């Protein structure tokens, strides 16, 4: 195996969730709280990339702490019955990696409960570890804490991990921990994201098929 441990992001890397779940949830919440906030899906992708989800809600949308909690509660209700679908080909990649004895660890800004639900619904192998939004803020991605925990738990070196993610927080986390980074480019064509990822990351894959061919070879 190229990398015994695949550390994988969830939203828009494994499952097609921003376009089908998270952006509609954002639009629905903002229509109630900040109807003047109008944003395209491309703009939403770009702002989640940089400066990130917290500055997006706090600084750009102007939500206070109470409203930030209300947004999270709204999102919880919204996603309960809306389960995103895994990108075609990801199921086969994860199962082949798992069947070879590889580890699958998830580091995401989603919640562990919904990550595990999505894996089960899409007939994916159970992740070995999940580090989600449930963590204390200072431990969440882009902090490298999750990668250090994976290494410690399984006695791995940084060179044995590969981080697969579609956004900058994952890249920042991998760089901070000295872990190789592969960019998942199949969820969007936002120029700012594509340009950054192509120029900075160790590998950039535009399709799931390209990633699978490389990763499993």
C-alpha atoms as a PDB file:
ATOM      1  CA  UNK A   1       0.000   0.000   0.000  1.00  0.00           C
ATOM      2  CA  UNK A   2       1.171   3.525  -0.734  1.00  0.00           C
ATOM      3  CA  UNK A   3      -0.233   4.687   2.587  1.00  0.00           C
ATOM      4  CA  UNK A   4      -1.477   2.305   5.310  1.00  0.00           C
ATOM      5  CA  UNK A   5      -3.774   4.998   6.700  1.00  0.00           C
ATOM      6  CA  UNK A   6      -6.140   7.054   4.568  1.00  0.00           C
ATOM      7  CA  UNK A   7      -7.264  10.141   6.486  1.00  0.00           C
ATOM      8  CA  UNK A   8     -10.316  11.355   4.650  1.00  0.00           C
ATOM      9  CA  UNK A   9     -12.493  14.422   4.866  1.00  0.00           C
ATOM     10  CA  UNK A  10     -16.224  13.837   4.659  1.00  0.00           C
ATOM     11  CA  UNK A  11     -18.240  16.587   2.992  1.00  0.00           C
ATOM     12  CA  UNK A  12     -17.500  17.032  -0.719  1.00  0.00           C
ATOM     13  CA  UNK A  13     -14.627  14.559  -0.540  1.00  0.00           C
ATOM     14  CA  UNK A  14     -16.539  11.373   0.218  1.00  0.00           C
ATOM     15  CA  UNK A  15     -20.155  12.512  -0.058  1.00  0.00           C
ATOM     16  CA  UNK A  16     -21.760  15.100  -2.307  1.00  0.00           C
ATOM     17  CA  UNK A  17     -23.218  17.090   0.570  1.00  0.00           C
ATOM     18  CA  UNK A  18     -22.693  20.836   0.164  1.00  0.00           C
ATOM     19  CA  UNK A  19     -24.730  21.150  -3.010  1.00  0.00           C
ATOM     20  CA  UNK A  20     -27.472  18.785  -1.848  1.00  0.00           C
ATOM     21  CA  UNK A  21     -27.682  19.427   1.913  1.00  0.00           C
ATOM     22  CA  UNK A  22     -25.469  22.098   3.488  1.00  0.00           C
ATOM     23  CA  UNK A  23     -25.992  24.941   1.032  1.00  0.00           C
ATOM     24  CA  UNK A  24     -29.787  24.453   1.028  1.00  0.00           C
ATOM     25  CA  UNK A  25     -29.647  24.458   4.856  1.00  0.00           C
ATOM     26  CA  UNK A  26     -27.605  27.664   4.779  1.00  0.00           C
ATOM     27  CA  UNK A  27     -30.074  29.318   2.402  1.00  0.00           C
ATOM     28  CA  UNK A  28     -33.051  28.275   4.514  1.00  0.00           C
ATOM     29  CA  UNK A  29     -31.504  29.591   7.727  1.00  0.00           C
ATOM     30  CA  UNK A  30     -30.354  32.862   6.201  1.00  0.00           C
ATOM     31  CA  UNK A  31     -33.771  33.498   4.692  1.00  0.00           C
ATOM     32  CA  UNK A  32     -35.043  33.673   8.282  1.00  0.00           C
ATOM     33  CA  UNK A  33     -32.133  35.419  10.028  1.00  0.00           C
ATOM     34  CA  UNK A  34     -30.338  37.447   7.354  1.00  0.00           C
ATOM     35  CA  UNK A  35     -32.527  37.669   4.232  1.00  0.00           C
ATOM     36  CA  UNK A  36     -30.160  40.298   2.815  1.00  0.00           C
ATOM     37  CA  UNK A  37     -27.423  37.653   2.545  1.00  0.00           C
ATOM     38  CA  UNK A  38     -27.567  36.338  -0.996  1.00  0.00           C
ATOM     39  CA  UNK A  39     -24.912  33.869  -2.097  1.00  0.00           C
ATOM     40  CA  UNK A  40     -24.365  31.456  -4.959  1.00  0.00           C
ATOM     41  CA  UNK A  41     -23.213  27.891  -4.429  1.00  0.00           C
ATOM     42  CA  UNK A  42     -19.834  28.799  -5.940  1.00  0.00           C
ATOM     43  CA  UNK A  43     -19.439  31.724  -3.526  1.00  0.00           C
ATOM     44  CA  UNK A  44     -20.398  29.480  -0.609  1.00  0.00           C
ATOM     45  CA  UNK A  45     -17.768  26.929  -1.637  1.00  0.00           C
ATOM     46  CA  UNK A  46     -15.137  29.662  -1.957  1.00  0.00           C
ATOM     47  CA  UNK A  47     -15.866  31.140   1.489  1.00  0.00           C
ATOM     48  CA  UNK A  48     -15.803  27.729   3.158  1.00  0.00           C
ATOM     49  CA  UNK A  49     -12.389  27.302   1.575  1.00  0.00           C
ATOM     50  CA  UNK A  50     -11.094  30.656   2.756  1.00  0.00           C
ATOM     51  CA  UNK A  51     -11.609  32.094   5.380  1.00  0.00           C
ATOM     52  CA  UNK A  52     -13.551  28.988   6.601  1.00  0.00           C
ATOM     53  CA  UNK A  53     -16.932  28.148   8.060  1.00  0.00           C
ATOM     54  CA  UNK A  54     -16.684  30.015  11.383  1.00  0.00           C
ATOM     55  CA  UNK A  55     -15.513  33.338   9.862  1.00  0.00           C
ATOM     56  CA  UNK A  56     -18.158  32.877   7.161  1.00  0.00           C
ATOM     57  CA  UNK A  57     -20.989  32.774   9.687  1.00  0.00           C
ATOM     58  CA  UNK A  58     -19.506  35.198  12.210  1.00  0.00           C
ATOM     59  CA  UNK A  59     -17.713  37.834  10.164  1.00  0.00           C
ATOM     60  CA  UNK A  60     -19.362  37.711   6.733  1.00  0.00           C
ATOM     61  CA  UNK A  61     -22.940  36.825   7.688  1.00  0.00           C
ATOM     62  CA  UNK A  62     -22.717  38.716  10.989  1.00  0.00           C
ATOM     63  CA  UNK A  63     -24.161  36.038  13.284  1.00  0.00           C
ATOM     64  CA  UNK A  64     -23.698  36.565  17.012  1.00  0.00           C
ATOM     65  CA  UNK A  65     -22.960  33.707  19.428  1.00  0.00           C
ATOM     66  CA  UNK A  66     -26.650  33.021  20.080  1.00  0.00           C
ATOM     67  CA  UNK A  67     -27.394  32.925  16.366  1.00  0.00           C
ATOM     68  CA  UNK A  68     -24.391  30.685  15.740  1.00  0.00           C
ATOM     69  CA  UNK A  69     -25.894  28.144  18.130  1.00  0.00           C
ATOM     70  CA  UNK A  70     -29.305  28.566  16.482  1.00  0.00           C
ATOM     71  CA  UNK A  71     -27.692  27.890  13.100  1.00  0.00           C
ATOM     72  CA  UNK A  72     -26.126  24.698  14.417  1.00  0.00           C
ATOM     73  CA  UNK A  73     -29.454  23.553  15.886  1.00  0.00           C
ATOM     74  CA  UNK A  74     -31.204  24.383  12.600  1.00  0.00           C
ATOM     75  CA  UNK A  75     -28.597  22.385  10.674  1.00  0.00           C
ATOM     76  CA  UNK A  76     -29.056  19.379  12.979  1.00  0.00           C
ATOM     77  CA  UNK A  77     -32.766  19.282  12.211  1.00  0.00           C
ATOM     78  CA  UNK A  78     -32.251  19.915   8.502  1.00  0.00           C
ATOM     79  CA  UNK A  79     -29.835  17.022   7.962  1.00  0.00           C
ATOM     80  CA  UNK A  80     -31.735  14.421   9.964  1.00  0.00           C
ATOM     81  CA  UNK A  81     -33.684  13.166   6.964  1.00  0.00           C
ATOM     82  CA  UNK A  82     -31.350  14.349   4.197  1.00  0.00           C
ATOM     83  CA  UNK A  83     -28.566  11.820   3.684  1.00  0.00           C
ATOM     84  CA  UNK A  84     -25.918  12.701   1.079  1.00  0.00           C
ATOM     85  CA  UNK A  85     -24.744  10.170  -1.479  1.00  0.00           C
ATOM     86  CA  UNK A  86     -21.140   9.032  -1.795  1.00  0.00           C
ATOM     87  CA  UNK A  87     -19.430  10.083  -5.008  1.00  0.00           C
ATOM     88  CA  UNK A  88     -19.426   7.209  -7.522  1.00  0.00           C
ATOM     89  CA  UNK A  89     -16.290   5.132  -7.123  1.00  0.00           C
ATOM     90  CA  UNK A  90     -15.518   6.089  -3.518  1.00  0.00           C
ATOM     91  CA  UNK A  91     -17.217   3.005  -2.116  1.00  0.00           C
ATOM     92  CA  UNK A  92     -14.997   0.682  -4.171  1.00  0.00           C
ATOM     93  CA  UNK A  93     -11.826   2.585  -3.236  1.00  0.00           C
ATOM     94  CA  UNK A  94     -12.534   2.471   0.488  1.00  0.00           C
ATOM     95  CA  UNK A  95     -13.485  -1.193   0.489  1.00  0.00           C
ATOM     96  CA  UNK A  96     -10.386  -2.187  -1.480  1.00  0.00           C
ATOM     97  CA  UNK A  97      -8.177  -0.215   0.894  1.00  0.00           C
ATOM     98  CA  UNK A  98      -9.905  -1.746   3.919  1.00  0.00           C
ATOM     99  CA  UNK A  99      -9.721  -5.277   2.522  1.00  0.00           C
ATOM    100  CA  UNK A 100      -5.988  -4.855   2.033  1.00  0.00           C
ATOM    101  CA  UNK A 101      -5.646  -4.129   5.737  1.00  0.00           C
ATOM    102  CA  UNK A 102      -5.632  -0.348   5.457  1.00  0.00           C
ATOM    103  CA  UNK A 103      -6.995   2.099   8.020  1.00  0.00           C
ATOM    104  CA  UNK A 104      -9.705   4.662   7.305  1.00  0.00           C
ATOM    105  CA  UNK A 105      -9.825   7.661   9.619  1.00  0.00           C
ATOM    106  CA  UNK A 106     -12.186  10.596   9.142  1.00  0.00           C
ATOM    107  CA  UNK A 107     -11.302  14.186  10.029  1.00  0.00           C
ATOM    108  CA  UNK A 108     -14.198  16.467   9.241  1.00  0.00           C
ATOM    109  CA  UNK A 109     -16.181  19.555  10.185  1.00  0.00           C
ATOM    110  CA  UNK A 110     -19.319  17.413  10.295  1.00  0.00           C
ATOM    111  CA  UNK A 111     -20.538  15.596  13.408  1.00  0.00           C
ATOM    112  CA  UNK A 112     -19.522  12.018  14.133  1.00  0.00           C
ATOM    113  CA  UNK A 113     -23.146  10.883  14.423  1.00  0.00           C
ATOM    114  CA  UNK A 114     -23.907  11.963  10.847  1.00  0.00           C
ATOM    115  CA  UNK A 115     -20.593  10.817   9.439  1.00  0.00           C
ATOM    116  CA  UNK A 116     -21.194   7.278  10.704  1.00  0.00           C
ATOM    117  CA  UNK A 117     -24.803   7.417   9.493  1.00  0.00           C
ATOM    118  CA  UNK A 118     -23.637   8.396   6.002  1.00  0.00           C
ATOM    119  CA  UNK A 119     -21.077   5.584   5.914  1.00  0.00           C
ATOM    120  CA  UNK A 120     -23.704   3.029   6.889  1.00  0.00           C
ATOM    121  CA  UNK A 121     -26.300   4.376   4.439  1.00  0.00           C
ATOM    122  CA  UNK A 122     -23.811   4.291   1.544  1.00  0.00           C
ATOM    123  CA  UNK A 123     -22.591   0.762   2.420  1.00  0.00           C
ATOM    124  CA  UNK A 124     -19.082   1.974   3.243  1.00  0.00           C
ATOM    125  CA  UNK A 125     -16.638   0.283   5.635  1.00  0.00           C
ATOM    126  CA  UNK A 126     -16.858   1.531   9.214  1.00  0.00           C
ATOM    127  CA  UNK A 127     -14.211   4.204   9.834  1.00  0.00           C
ATOM    128  CA  UNK A 128     -11.566   3.183  12.335  1.00  0.00           C
ATOM    129  CA  UNK A 129     -11.602   6.639  13.933  1.00  0.00           C
ATOM    130  CA  UNK A 130     -13.729   9.747  13.473  1.00  0.00           C
ATOM    131  CA  UNK A 131     -12.699  13.257  14.496  1.00  0.00           C
ATOM    132  CA  UNK A 132     -15.549  15.662  13.849  1.00  0.00           C
ATOM    133  CA  UNK A 133     -17.091  18.931  14.955  1.00  0.00           C
ATOM    134  CA  UNK A 134     -17.811  17.280  18.310  1.00  0.00           C
ATOM    135  CA  UNK A 135     -14.199  18.041  19.300  1.00  0.00           C
ATOM    136  CA  UNK A 136     -13.279  21.109  21.321  1.00  0.00           C
ATOM    137  CA  UNK A 137     -12.768  24.063  18.938  1.00  0.00           C
ATOM    138  CA  UNK A 138      -9.019  24.198  19.503  1.00  0.00           C
ATOM    139  CA  UNK A 139      -8.669  20.524  18.457  1.00  0.00           C
ATOM    140  CA  UNK A 140     -10.701  20.675  15.262  1.00  0.00           C
ATOM    141  CA  UNK A 141      -9.215  20.809  11.797  1.00  0.00           C
ATOM    142  CA  UNK A 142      -7.031  22.739  10.813  1.00  0.00           C
ATOM    143  CA  UNK A 143      -5.337  21.946  14.141  1.00  0.00           C
ATOM    144  CA  UNK A 144      -3.079  18.890  13.586  1.00  0.00           C
ATOM    145  CA  UNK A 145      -4.188  17.195  16.827  1.00  0.00           C
ATOM    146  CA  UNK A 146      -6.288  14.544  15.049  1.00  0.00           C
ATOM    147  CA  UNK A 147      -3.349  13.415  12.928  1.00  0.00           C
ATOM    148  CA  UNK A 148      -1.115  13.139  15.979  1.00  0.00           C
ATOM    149  CA  UNK A 149      -3.797  11.048  17.711  1.00  0.00           C
ATOM    150  CA  UNK A 150      -4.042   8.698  14.728  1.00  0.00           C
ATOM    151  CA  UNK A 151      -0.273   8.247  14.692  1.00  0.00           C
ATOM    152  CA  UNK A 152      -0.199   7.581  18.419  1.00  0.00           C
ATOM    153  CA  UNK A 153      -3.146   5.174  18.394  1.00  0.00           C
ATOM    154  CA  UNK A 154      -1.761   2.995  15.593  1.00  0.00           C
ATOM    155  CA  UNK A 155       1.983   3.604  16.063  1.00  0.00           C
ATOM    156  CA  UNK A 156       2.331   5.200  12.644  1.00  0.00           C
ATOM    157  CA  UNK A 157       4.847   7.638  11.220  1.00  0.00           C
ATOM    158  CA  UNK A 158       3.646  10.777   9.365  1.00  0.00           C
ATOM    159  CA  UNK A 159       4.906   9.203   6.116  1.00  0.00           C
ATOM    160  CA  UNK A 160       2.340   6.393   6.536  1.00  0.00           C
ATOM    161  CA  UNK A 161      -0.660   8.748   6.433  1.00  0.00           C
ATOM    162  CA  UNK A 162      -2.327  10.378   3.435  1.00  0.00           C
ATOM    163  CA  UNK A 163      -4.820  13.209   3.927  1.00  0.00           C
ATOM    164  CA  UNK A 164      -7.538  13.482   1.261  1.00  0.00           C
ATOM    165  CA  UNK A 165      -9.576  16.687   1.450  1.00  0.00           C
ATOM    166  CA  UNK A 166     -11.240  19.236  -0.804  1.00  0.00           C
ATOM    167  CA  UNK A 167     -10.598  22.409   1.229  1.00  0.00           C
ATOM    168  CA  UNK A 168      -7.796  24.486   2.738  1.00  0.00           C
ATOM    169  CA  UNK A 169      -8.306  23.531   6.433  1.00  0.00           C
ATOM    170  CA  UNK A 170      -7.371  19.949   5.571  1.00  0.00           C
ATOM    171  CA  UNK A 171      -4.328  21.143   3.651  1.00  0.00           C
ATOM    172  CA  UNK A 172      -3.252  23.356   6.559  1.00  0.00           C
ATOM    173  CA  UNK A 173      -3.675  20.482   9.013  1.00  0.00           C
ATOM    174  CA  UNK A 174      -1.637  18.076   6.899  1.00  0.00           C
ATOM    175  CA  UNK A 175       1.157  20.578   6.369  1.00  0.00           C
ATOM    176  CA  UNK A 176       1.347  21.337  10.097  1.00  0.00           C
ATOM    177  CA  UNK A 177       1.772  17.613  10.854  1.00  0.00           C
ATOM    178  CA  UNK A 178       4.128  16.772   7.991  1.00  0.00           C
ATOM    179  CA  UNK A 179       1.558  14.494   6.335  1.00  0.00           C
ATOM    180  CA  UNK A 180       1.164  14.062   2.571  1.00  0.00           C
ATOM    181  CA  UNK A 181      -1.895  15.765   1.099  1.00  0.00           C
ATOM    182  CA  UNK A 182      -4.040  14.841  -1.897  1.00  0.00           C
ATOM    183  CA  UNK A 183      -6.646  17.325  -3.101  1.00  0.00           C
ATOM    184  CA  UNK A 184     -10.100  16.017  -3.974  1.00  0.00           C
ATOM    185  CA  UNK A 185     -11.117  18.209  -6.896  1.00  0.00           C
ATOM    186  CA  UNK A 186     -14.311  16.482  -7.975  1.00  0.00           C
ATOM    187  CA  UNK A 187     -16.914  18.470  -6.026  1.00  0.00           C
ATOM    188  CA  UNK A 188     -16.460  21.948  -7.533  1.00  0.00           C
ATOM    189  CA  UNK A 189     -14.736  24.038 -10.196  1.00  0.00           C
ATOM    190  CA  UNK A 190     -14.283  27.224  -8.146  1.00  0.00           C
ATOM    191  CA  UNK A 191     -11.200  28.943  -9.668  1.00  0.00           C
ATOM    192  CA  UNK A 192      -9.753  30.094  -6.318  1.00  0.00           C
ATOM    193  CA  UNK A 193      -9.936  26.584  -4.899  1.00  0.00           C
ATOM    194  CA  UNK A 194      -8.633  24.819  -7.999  1.00  0.00           C
ATOM    195  CA  UNK A 195      -5.752  27.274  -8.385  1.00  0.00           C
ATOM    196  CA  UNK A 196      -4.646  26.965  -4.761  1.00  0.00           C
ATOM    197  CA  UNK A 197      -4.914  23.200  -4.646  1.00  0.00           C
ATOM    198  CA  UNK A 198      -3.135  22.587  -7.949  1.00  0.00           C
ATOM    199  CA  UNK A 199      -0.227  24.845  -7.016  1.00  0.00           C
ATOM    200  CA  UNK A 200       0.254  23.848  -3.361  1.00  0.00           C
ATOM    201  CA  UNK A 201      -0.821  20.255  -2.804  1.00  0.00           C
ATOM    202  CA  UNK A 202       1.256  17.126  -3.271  1.00  0.00           C
ATOM    203  CA  UNK A 203      -1.352  15.757  -5.682  1.00  0.00           C
ATOM    204  CA  UNK A 204      -4.515  17.130  -7.261  1.00  0.00           C
ATOM    205  CA  UNK A 205      -7.140  14.750  -8.597  1.00  0.00           C
ATOM    206  CA  UNK A 206     -10.014  16.052 -10.694  1.00  0.00           C
ATOM    207  CA  UNK A 207     -11.962  12.794 -10.641  1.00  0.00           C
ATOM    208  CA  UNK A 208     -12.529   9.977  -8.179  1.00  0.00           C
ATOM    209  CA  UNK A 209     -11.357   7.541 -10.850  1.00  0.00           C
ATOM    210  CA  UNK A 210      -7.972   9.321 -11.130  1.00  0.00           C
ATOM    211  CA  UNK A 211      -7.495   9.212  -7.370  1.00  0.00           C
ATOM    212  CA  UNK A 212      -8.464   5.546  -7.113  1.00  0.00           C
ATOM    213  CA  UNK A 213      -6.120   4.494  -9.921  1.00  0.00           C
ATOM    214  CA  UNK A 214      -3.208   6.254  -8.215  1.00  0.00           C
ATOM    215  CA  UNK A 215      -4.007   5.359  -4.605  1.00  0.00           C
ATOM    216  CA  UNK A 216      -4.637   1.666  -5.182  1.00  0.00           C
ATOM    217  CA  UNK A 217      -1.809   1.038  -7.624  1.00  0.00           C
END
